[in-house]
Amino acid sequence: MTTEIKTRPDGSIDTAHYMKIGRQMRSDQAMTLLTGGARKEERPRRKPRALFSFL
């Protein structure tokens, strides 16, 4: 990350920019937690199972 703060033309901090970055980081973290750290193309394929395997 840079140490320079992104500002809007009026001189105020560009909060939309930082909220966008935060949302992307939160999304990446959620995907990491849900997939066990592996991306979809890296996960091993599971064998398909019958819906009612107990019958």
PDB file of N, CA and C in Angstrom:
ATOM      1  N   MET A   1       0.822  -1.180   0.000  1.00  0.00           N
ATOM      2  CA  MET A   1       0.000   0.000   0.000  1.00  0.00           C
ATOM      3  C   MET A   1       0.866   1.243   0.000  1.00  0.00           C
ATOM      4  N   THR A   2       0.348   2.298  -0.569  1.00  0.00           N
ATOM      5  CA  THR A   2       1.102   3.538  -0.606  1.00  0.00           C
ATOM      6  C   THR A   2       0.857   4.336   0.663  1.00  0.00           C
ATOM      7  N   THR A   3       1.774   5.204   0.993  1.00  0.00           N
ATOM      8  CA  THR A   3       1.612   6.057   2.164  1.00  0.00           C
ATOM      9  C   THR A   3       0.953   7.372   1.790  1.00  0.00           C
ATOM     10  N   GLU A   4       0.816   7.649   0.506  1.00  0.00           N
ATOM     11  CA  GLU A   4       0.163   8.869   0.059  1.00  0.00           C
ATOM     12  C   GLU A   4      -1.351   8.677   0.095  1.00  0.00           C
ATOM     13  N   ILE A   5      -2.068   9.621   0.690  1.00  0.00           N
ATOM     14  CA  ILE A   5      -3.516   9.528   0.812  1.00  0.00           C
ATOM     15  C   ILE A   5      -4.164  10.083  -0.444  1.00  0.00           C
ATOM     16  N   LYS A   6      -5.079   9.312  -1.008  1.00  0.00           N
ATOM     17  CA  LYS A   6      -5.779   9.745  -2.217  1.00  0.00           C
ATOM     18  C   LYS A   6      -6.846  10.758  -1.830  1.00  0.00           C
ATOM     19  N   THR A   7      -6.832  11.897  -2.505  1.00  0.00           N
ATOM     20  CA  THR A   7      -7.806  12.944  -2.221  1.00  0.00           C
ATOM     21  C   THR A   7      -8.614  13.283  -3.469  1.00  0.00           C
ATOM     22  N   ARG A   8      -9.766  13.902  -3.229  1.00  0.00           N
ATOM     23  CA  ARG A   8     -10.619  14.368  -4.312  1.00  0.00           C
ATOM     24  C   ARG A   8     -10.161  15.774  -4.725  1.00  0.00           C
ATOM     25  N   PRO A   9     -10.692  16.265  -5.843  1.00  0.00           N
ATOM     26  CA  PRO A   9     -10.272  17.602  -6.302  1.00  0.00           C
ATOM     27  C   PRO A   9     -10.507  18.710  -5.278  1.00  0.00           C
ATOM     28  N   ASP A  10     -11.483  18.546  -4.380  1.00  0.00           N
ATOM     29  CA  ASP A  10     -11.739  19.595  -3.384  1.00  0.00           C
ATOM     30  C   ASP A  10     -10.811  19.489  -2.174  1.00  0.00           C
ATOM     31  N   GLY A  11      -9.936  18.476  -2.164  1.00  0.00           N
ATOM     32  CA  GLY A  11      -8.955  18.333  -1.097  1.00  0.00           C
ATOM     33  C   GLY A  11      -9.351  17.361  -0.004  1.00  0.00           C
ATOM     34  N   SER A  12     -10.595  16.881  -0.008  1.00  0.00           N
ATOM     35  CA  SER A  12     -11.017  15.929   1.019  1.00  0.00           C
ATOM     36  C   SER A  12     -10.566  14.516   0.643  1.00  0.00           C
ATOM     37  N   ILE A  13     -10.520  13.653   1.632  1.00  0.00           N
ATOM     38  CA  ILE A  13     -10.090  12.270   1.418  1.00  0.00           C
ATOM     39  C   ILE A  13     -11.122  11.545   0.562  1.00  0.00           C
ATOM     40  N   ASP A  14     -10.660  10.807  -0.408  1.00  0.00           N
ATOM     41  CA  ASP A  14     -11.543  10.066  -1.319  1.00  0.00           C
ATOM     42  C   ASP A  14     -11.980   8.777  -0.633  1.00  0.00           C
ATOM     43  N   THR A  15     -13.045   8.878   0.172  1.00  0.00           N
ATOM     44  CA  THR A  15     -13.506   7.724   0.942  1.00  0.00           C
ATOM     45  C   THR A  15     -14.055   6.620   0.040  1.00  0.00           C
ATOM     46  N   ALA A  16     -14.649   6.970  -1.086  1.00  0.00           N
ATOM     47  CA  ALA A  16     -15.182   5.958  -2.004  1.00  0.00           C
ATOM     48  C   ALA A  16     -14.065   5.040  -2.504  1.00  0.00           C
ATOM     49  N   HIS A  17     -12.912   5.615  -2.756  1.00  0.00           N
ATOM     50  CA  HIS A  17     -11.762   4.835  -3.216  1.00  0.00           C
ATOM     51  C   HIS A  17     -11.359   3.803  -2.159  1.00  0.00           C
ATOM     52  N   TYR A  18     -11.276   4.243  -0.904  1.00  0.00           N
ATOM     53  CA  TYR A  18     -10.850   3.341   0.161  1.00  0.00           C
ATOM     54  C   TYR A  18     -11.936   2.334   0.528  1.00  0.00           C
ATOM     55  N   MET A  19     -13.204   2.712   0.401  1.00  0.00           N
ATOM     56  CA  MET A  19     -14.282   1.752   0.642  1.00  0.00           C
ATOM     57  C   MET A  19     -14.262   0.664  -0.425  1.00  0.00           C
ATOM     58  N   LYS A  20     -13.967   1.030  -1.668  1.00  0.00           N
ATOM     59  CA  LYS A  20     -13.878   0.045  -2.749  1.00  0.00           C
ATOM     60  C   LYS A  20     -12.753  -0.954  -2.474  1.00  0.00           C
ATOM     61  N   ILE A  21     -11.618  -0.461  -2.037  1.00  0.00           N
ATOM     62  CA  ILE A  21     -10.485  -1.339  -1.707  1.00  0.00           C
ATOM     63  C   ILE A  21     -10.862  -2.266  -0.550  1.00  0.00           C
ATOM     64  N   GLY A  22     -11.521  -1.713   0.472  1.00  0.00           N
ATOM     65  CA  GLY A  22     -11.927  -2.515   1.625  1.00  0.00           C
ATOM     66  C   GLY A  22     -12.921  -3.602   1.256  1.00  0.00           C
ATOM     67  N   ARG A  23     -13.868  -3.284   0.389  1.00  0.00           N
ATOM     68  CA  ARG A  23     -14.841  -4.287  -0.052  1.00  0.00           C
ATOM     69  C   ARG A  23     -14.162  -5.411  -0.818  1.00  0.00           C
ATOM     70  N   GLN A  24     -13.204  -5.064  -1.667  1.00  0.00           N
ATOM     71  CA  GLN A  24     -12.494  -6.090  -2.430  1.00  0.00           C
ATOM     72  C   GLN A  24     -11.678  -6.985  -1.495  1.00  0.00           C
ATOM     73  N   MET A  25     -11.022  -6.384  -0.503  1.00  0.00           N
ATOM     74  CA  MET A  25     -10.242  -7.170   0.453  1.00  0.00           C
ATOM     75  C   MET A  25     -11.152  -8.099   1.266  1.00  0.00           C
ATOM     76  N   ARG A  26     -12.328  -7.596   1.667  1.00  0.00           N
ATOM     77  CA  ARG A  26     -13.279  -8.420   2.421  1.00  0.00           C
ATOM     78  C   ARG A  26     -13.791  -9.568   1.563  1.00  0.00           C
ATOM     79  N   SER A  27     -14.053  -9.282   0.287  1.00  0.00           N
ATOM     80  CA  SER A  27     -14.518 -10.321  -0.627  1.00  0.00           C
ATOM     81  C   SER A  27     -13.450 -11.395  -0.824  1.00  0.00           C
ATOM     82  N   ASP A  28     -12.203 -10.964  -1.005  1.00  0.00           N
ATOM     83  CA  ASP A  28     -11.100 -11.919  -1.170  1.00  0.00           C
ATOM     84  C   ASP A  28     -10.952 -12.800   0.067  1.00  0.00           C
ATOM     85  N   GLN A  29     -11.071 -12.195   1.250  1.00  0.00           N
ATOM     86  CA  GLN A  29     -10.929 -12.962   2.487  1.00  0.00           C
ATOM     87  C   GLN A  29     -12.070 -13.962   2.635  1.00  0.00           C
ATOM     88  N   ALA A  30     -13.295 -13.557   2.297  1.00  0.00           N
ATOM     89  CA  ALA A  30     -14.430 -14.475   2.386  1.00  0.00           C
ATOM     90  C   ALA A  30     -14.244 -15.654   1.436  1.00  0.00           C
ATOM     91  N   MET A  31     -13.778 -15.391   0.231  1.00  0.00           N
ATOM     92  CA  MET A  31     -13.543 -16.475  -0.720  1.00  0.00           C
ATOM     93  C   MET A  31     -12.450 -17.416  -0.219  1.00  0.00           C
ATOM     94  N   THR A  32     -11.426 -16.870   0.401  1.00  0.00           N
ATOM     95  CA  THR A  32     -10.358 -17.704   0.954  1.00  0.00           C
ATOM     96  C   THR A  32     -10.909 -18.604   2.055  1.00  0.00           C
ATOM     97  N   LEU A  33     -11.756 -18.052   2.916  1.00  0.00           N
ATOM     98  CA  LEU A  33     -12.333 -18.851   3.997  1.00  0.00           C
ATOM     99  C   LEU A  33     -13.272 -19.921   3.462  1.00  0.00           C
ATOM    100  N   LEU A  34     -14.072 -19.581   2.454  1.00  0.00           N
ATOM    101  CA  LEU A  34     -15.051 -20.528   1.921  1.00  0.00           C
ATOM    102  C   LEU A  34     -14.417 -21.630   1.082  1.00  0.00           C
ATOM    103  N   THR A  35     -13.340 -21.335   0.394  1.00  0.00           N
ATOM    104  CA  THR A  35     -12.731 -22.316  -0.498  1.00  0.00           C
ATOM    105  C   THR A  35     -11.543 -23.020   0.137  1.00  0.00           C
ATOM    106  N   GLY A  36     -11.234 -22.708   1.359  1.00  0.00           N
ATOM    107  CA  GLY A  36     -10.103 -23.348   2.023  1.00  0.00           C
ATOM    108  C   GLY A  36      -8.768 -22.872   1.479  1.00  0.00           C
ATOM    109  N   GLY A  37      -8.736 -21.697   0.910  1.00  0.00           N
ATOM    110  CA  GLY A  37      -7.494 -21.124   0.428  1.00  0.00           C
ATOM    111  C   GLY A  37      -7.170 -21.435  -1.015  1.00  0.00           C
ATOM    112  N   ALA A  38      -7.934 -22.292  -1.659  1.00  0.00           N
ATOM    113  CA  ALA A  38      -7.661 -22.648  -3.053  1.00  0.00           C
ATOM    114  C   ALA A  38      -8.690 -21.992  -3.963  1.00  0.00           C
ATOM    115  N   ARG A  39      -8.242 -21.531  -5.086  1.00  0.00           N
ATOM    116  CA  ARG A  39      -9.164 -20.976  -6.071  1.00  0.00           C
ATOM    117  C   ARG A  39      -9.901 -22.110  -6.756  1.00  0.00           C
ATOM    118  N   LYS A  40     -10.979 -21.777  -7.439  1.00  0.00           N
ATOM    119  CA  LYS A  40     -11.833 -22.786  -8.041  1.00  0.00           C
ATOM    120  C   LYS A  40     -11.056 -23.702  -8.979  1.00  0.00           C
ATOM    121  N   GLU A  41     -10.175 -23.148  -9.823  1.00  0.00           N
ATOM    122  CA  GLU A  41      -9.452 -23.971 -10.783  1.00  0.00           C
ATOM    123  C   GLU A  41      -8.366 -24.825 -10.125  1.00  0.00           C
ATOM    124  N   GLU A  42      -8.021 -24.522  -8.878  1.00  0.00           N
ATOM    125  CA  GLU A  42      -6.980 -25.267  -8.184  1.00  0.00           C
ATOM    126  C   GLU A  42      -7.541 -26.397  -7.316  1.00  0.00           C
ATOM    127  N   ARG A  43      -8.852 -26.363  -7.027  1.00  0.00           N
ATOM    128  CA  ARG A  43      -9.447 -27.377  -6.162  1.00  0.00           C
ATOM    129  C   ARG A  43      -9.572 -28.709  -6.888  1.00  0.00           C
ATOM    130  N   PRO A  44      -9.349 -29.795  -6.191  1.00  0.00           N
ATOM    131  CA  PRO A  44      -9.548 -31.106  -6.826  1.00  0.00           C
ATOM    132  C   PRO A  44     -11.025 -31.341  -7.093  1.00  0.00           C
ATOM    133  N   ARG A  45     -11.323 -31.993  -8.185  1.00  0.00           N
ATOM    134  CA  ARG A  45     -12.714 -32.275  -8.537  1.00  0.00           C
ATOM    135  C   ARG A  45     -13.216 -33.439  -7.714  1.00  0.00           C
ATOM    136  N   ARG A  46     -14.437 -33.324  -7.232  1.00  0.00           N
ATOM    137  CA  ARG A  46     -15.048 -34.398  -6.463  1.00  0.00           C
ATOM    138  C   ARG A  46     -15.855 -35.293  -7.385  1.00  0.00           C
ATOM    139  N   LYS A  47     -15.973 -36.544  -6.981  1.00  0.00           N
ATOM    140  CA  LYS A  47     -16.791 -37.475  -7.748  1.00  0.00           C
ATOM    141  C   LYS A  47     -18.263 -37.142  -7.515  1.00  0.00           C
ATOM    142  N   PRO A  48     -19.065 -37.160  -8.555  1.00  0.00           N
ATOM    143  CA  PRO A  48     -20.494 -36.890  -8.356  1.00  0.00           C
ATOM    144  C   PRO A  48     -21.136 -38.015  -7.543  1.00  0.00           C
ATOM    145  N   ARG A  49     -22.058 -37.649  -6.682  1.00  0.00           N
ATOM    146  CA  ARG A  49     -22.744 -38.630  -5.858  1.00  0.00           C
ATOM    147  C   ARG A  49     -24.222 -38.655  -6.213  1.00  0.00           C
ATOM    148  N   ALA A  50     -24.830 -39.779  -6.004  1.00  0.00           N
ATOM    149  CA  ALA A  50     -26.264 -39.900  -6.237  1.00  0.00           C
ATOM    150  C   ALA A  50     -26.998 -39.094  -5.162  1.00  0.00           C
ATOM    151  N   LEU A  51     -28.112 -38.521  -5.532  1.00  0.00           N
ATOM    152  CA  LEU A  51     -28.871 -37.703  -4.593  1.00  0.00           C
ATOM    153  C   LEU A  51     -29.377 -38.535  -3.415  1.00  0.00           C
ATOM    154  N   PHE A  52     -29.867 -39.744  -3.705  1.00  0.00           N
ATOM    155  CA  PHE A  52     -30.362 -40.632  -2.666  1.00  0.00           C
ATOM    156  C   PHE A  52     -29.501 -41.899  -2.644  1.00  0.00           C
ATOM    157  N   SER A  53     -28.307 -41.787  -2.129  1.00  0.00           N
ATOM    158  CA  SER A  53     -27.379 -42.910  -2.135  1.00  0.00           C
ATOM    159  C   SER A  53     -27.751 -43.998  -1.127  1.00  0.00           C
ATOM    160  N   PHE A  54     -28.646 -43.679  -0.193  1.00  0.00           N
ATOM    161  CA  PHE A  54     -29.035 -44.661   0.820  1.00  0.00           C
ATOM    162  C   PHE A  54     -30.095 -45.635   0.319  1.00  0.00           C
ATOM    163  N   LEU A  55     -30.689 -45.405  -0.854  1.00  0.00           N
ATOM    164  CA  LEU A  55     -31.720 -46.307  -1.384  1.00  0.00           C
ATOM    165  C   LEU A  55     -31.139 -47.504  -2.063  1.00  0.00           C
TER     166      LEU A  55
END
